[in-house]
Amino acid sequence: MQPPLLDRVSNERCISLIGMASAGKSTLAGLLARRLGWACLDTDRLIEATNGTSLAALLERRGLEDFLRLEEDVVAGLGVKRCVIATGGSVIYGPRAMAKLHASGPVVFLSIDLPTFLARVGDPGARAFVVPPGMTLTDVYAQRQPLYAAAADCTVTSCGVTPEACVEDILRGIRL
């Protein structure tokens, strides 16, 4: 019997990493890409390069709704192959972006617990972390967890393990 995600991974496909800020998406995408001999793309860096400014400046200048629309447009417009994609944490709010990631290959949710998230994220304003009005970091964490879990083809815990062990868990999770 063929592993369930094997048909979604080939030399023409991608692997996308989703999860909260500070879950290790960028770090693990680089390690996983090197392991596979693939390219690595960080969508936050692509948004910054495309717009010539930082995410924090974009969020401040454009506001929450326009920032989320911009992120969705950039991710939905990706045309890459053989690439590990590290997404911004708020990509989960963009249905077209998530549809594009799923069409490109398996989506892996990098899960971290709340205390680890709070300890790692620091000042959300410095990171351009999307916090809707009236919500706390804990509220956003609670809101996003079921969204990530529902959108993922597999979930890998990325706290309490080495990055190398996490890469192995990702590969086992997608059976590559």
Protein backbone atom coordinates (compact mmCIF):
# COMPACT_ATOMS: atom_id res chain seq x y z
CA MET A 1 0.00 0.00 0.00
CA GLN A 2 1.31 3.46 -0.95
CA PRO A 3 1.79 5.98 1.87
CA PRO A 4 -1.05 8.53 1.78
CA LEU A 5 1.05 11.62 1.00
CA LEU A 6 3.57 10.05 -1.35
CA ASP A 7 1.47 10.90 -4.39
CA ARG A 8 1.63 14.57 -3.37
CA VAL A 9 5.44 14.72 -3.26
CA SER A 10 7.63 14.49 -6.35
CA ASN A 11 10.32 16.50 -8.07
CA GLU A 12 7.56 18.77 -9.36
CA ARG A 13 5.99 19.41 -5.96
CA CYS A 14 6.72 21.41 -2.81
CA ILE A 15 6.46 20.94 0.94
CA SER A 16 4.90 23.82 2.86
CA LEU A 17 5.44 24.55 6.55
CA ILE A 18 2.70 26.35 8.50
CA GLY A 19 2.40 27.27 12.17
CA MET A 20 2.78 30.01 14.72
CA ALA A 21 5.56 32.57 14.67
CA SER A 22 8.66 31.07 16.30
CA ALA A 23 7.66 27.49 15.53
CA GLY A 24 10.85 27.14 13.47
CA LYS A 25 9.39 27.31 9.97
CA SER A 26 12.26 29.29 8.44
CA THR A 27 15.00 27.30 10.16
CA LEU A 28 13.45 23.94 9.38
CA ALA A 29 12.62 24.89 5.79
CA GLY A 30 16.31 25.59 5.17
CA LEU A 31 17.43 22.33 6.77
CA LEU A 32 14.76 20.29 4.98
CA ALA A 33 15.56 21.91 1.62
CA ARG A 34 19.26 21.13 2.01
CA ARG A 35 18.42 17.55 2.96
CA LEU A 36 16.26 17.14 -0.17
CA GLY A 37 18.50 19.17 -2.48
CA TRP A 38 15.59 21.53 -3.12
CA ALA A 39 15.16 25.30 -3.01
CA CYS A 40 13.86 27.08 0.06
CA LEU A 41 11.44 30.01 0.02
CA ASP A 42 10.37 32.11 3.00
CA THR A 43 7.14 33.88 2.04
CA ASP A 44 7.69 36.63 4.64
CA ARG A 45 11.02 37.50 3.01
CA LEU A 46 9.37 37.37 -0.44
CA ILE A 47 6.67 39.82 0.69
CA GLU A 48 9.36 42.14 2.06
CA ALA A 49 11.43 41.91 -1.14
CA THR A 50 8.40 42.44 -3.35
CA ASN A 51 7.34 45.54 -1.41
CA GLY A 52 10.76 46.91 -0.51
CA THR A 53 10.06 47.21 3.21
CA SER A 54 9.70 45.16 6.38
CA LEU A 55 6.59 43.23 7.33
CA ALA A 56 6.19 45.45 10.40
CA ALA A 57 6.17 48.57 8.20
CA LEU A 58 3.72 46.96 5.77
CA LEU A 59 1.37 45.98 8.59
CA GLU A 60 1.55 49.46 10.11
CA ARG A 61 1.10 51.28 6.80
CA ARG A 62 -1.55 49.06 5.22
CA GLY A 63 -3.50 47.85 8.24
CA LEU A 64 -4.51 44.32 9.15
CA GLU A 65 -7.00 43.51 6.39
CA ASP A 66 -4.84 44.85 3.55
CA PHE A 67 -1.76 43.10 4.96
CA LEU A 68 -3.61 39.76 5.07
CA ARG A 69 -4.86 40.30 1.50
CA LEU A 70 -1.30 41.09 0.36
CA GLU A 71 0.04 37.93 2.03
CA GLU A 72 -2.71 35.85 0.45
CA ASP A 73 -2.05 37.32 -3.01
CA VAL A 74 1.70 36.64 -2.80
CA VAL A 75 1.32 33.04 -1.59
CA ALA A 76 -1.57 32.27 -3.97
CA GLY A 77 0.61 33.50 -6.83
CA LEU A 78 3.60 31.28 -6.12
CA GLY A 79 4.86 29.29 -9.07
CA VAL A 80 7.63 27.16 -7.62
CA LYS A 81 8.61 23.49 -7.78
CA ARG A 82 11.01 21.36 -5.74
CA CYS A 83 10.82 23.90 -2.97
CA VAL A 84 10.30 23.91 0.78
CA ILE A 85 8.06 26.86 1.58
CA ALA A 86 8.17 28.55 4.99
CA THR A 87 5.01 30.60 5.40
CA GLY A 88 4.07 33.46 7.64
CA GLY A 89 1.89 32.44 10.58
CA SER A 90 -1.11 34.37 9.30
CA VAL A 91 -1.20 32.53 5.95
CA ILE A 92 -3.88 30.31 7.52
CA TYR A 93 -6.36 33.19 7.15
CA GLY A 94 -6.03 33.23 3.33
CA PRO A 95 -8.18 30.56 1.65
CA ARG A 96 -6.61 31.11 -1.78
CA ALA A 97 -3.12 30.91 -0.28
CA MET A 98 -3.92 27.67 1.53
CA ALA A 99 -5.48 26.19 -1.62
CA LYS A 100 -2.28 27.00 -3.52
CA LEU A 101 -0.09 25.39 -0.84
CA HIS A 102 -2.23 22.24 -0.88
CA ALA A 103 -2.15 22.07 -4.67
CA SER A 104 1.65 22.33 -4.50
CA GLY A 105 2.19 19.36 -2.16
CA PRO A 106 1.93 18.34 1.47
CA VAL A 107 1.33 20.95 4.16
CA VAL A 108 3.08 20.35 7.50
CA PHE A 109 1.91 22.03 10.70
CA LEU A 110 4.84 22.77 13.00
CA SER A 111 3.21 22.71 16.41
CA ILE A 112 4.61 24.39 19.51
CA ASP A 113 3.01 24.63 22.92
CA LEU A 114 1.71 27.93 24.30
CA PRO A 115 4.51 28.54 26.85
CA THR A 116 7.15 27.99 24.15
CA PHE A 117 5.31 30.28 21.76
CA LEU A 118 5.01 33.07 24.35
CA ALA A 119 8.66 32.73 25.37
CA ARG A 120 9.93 32.79 21.78
CA VAL A 121 7.71 35.39 20.12
CA GLY A 122 8.74 38.36 22.25
CA ASP A 123 7.33 41.70 21.13
CA PRO A 124 4.70 40.93 18.48
CA GLY A 125 4.97 44.44 17.01
CA ALA A 126 8.65 43.95 16.22
CA ARG A 127 7.79 40.81 14.24
CA ALA A 128 4.70 42.11 12.45
CA PHE A 129 2.73 39.43 14.23
CA VAL A 130 -0.93 39.70 13.26
CA VAL A 131 -2.99 40.32 16.40
CA PRO A 132 -6.57 41.33 15.60
CA PRO A 133 -7.95 44.19 17.72
CA GLY A 134 -9.05 43.12 21.18
CA MET A 135 -7.09 39.85 21.11
CA THR A 136 -4.04 38.79 23.09
CA LEU A 137 -1.21 36.54 21.93
CA THR A 138 -2.85 33.71 23.87
CA ASP A 139 -6.16 34.37 22.09
CA VAL A 140 -4.49 34.29 18.66
CA TYR A 141 -2.67 31.08 19.57
CA ALA A 142 -5.96 29.46 20.65
CA GLN A 143 -7.74 30.69 17.52
CA ARG A 144 -5.10 29.43 15.09
CA GLN A 145 -4.33 25.98 16.51
CA PRO A 146 -7.45 24.27 15.16
CA LEU A 147 -7.07 26.10 11.84
CA TYR A 148 -3.51 24.84 11.38
CA ALA A 149 -4.45 21.32 12.45
CA ALA A 150 -7.39 21.18 10.04
CA ALA A 151 -5.30 22.52 7.14
CA ALA A 152 -2.32 20.22 7.65
CA ASP A 153 -1.58 16.92 6.00
CA CYS A 154 0.59 16.08 9.00
CA THR A 155 1.54 17.70 12.30
CA VAL A 156 5.05 17.69 13.76
CA THR A 157 5.97 19.05 17.17
CA SER A 158 8.88 21.42 16.75
CA CYS A 159 9.61 22.31 20.37
CA GLY A 160 11.61 20.11 22.71
CA VAL A 161 13.47 18.40 19.85
CA THR A 162 16.54 19.31 17.85
CA PRO A 163 16.00 20.84 14.40
CA GLU A 164 17.58 17.75 12.84
CA ALA A 165 15.16 15.45 14.70
CA CYS A 166 12.29 17.64 13.60
CA VAL A 167 13.36 17.33 9.95
CA GLU A 168 13.35 13.54 10.37
CA ASP A 169 9.85 13.75 11.89
CA ILE A 170 8.67 15.82 8.92
CA LEU A 171 10.10 13.31 6.44
CA ARG A 172 8.48 10.44 8.34
CA GLY A 173 5.20 12.37 8.48
CA ILE A 174 5.05 12.80 4.72
CA ARG A 175 6.80 9.46 4.13
CA LEU A 176 9.45 10.86 1.81
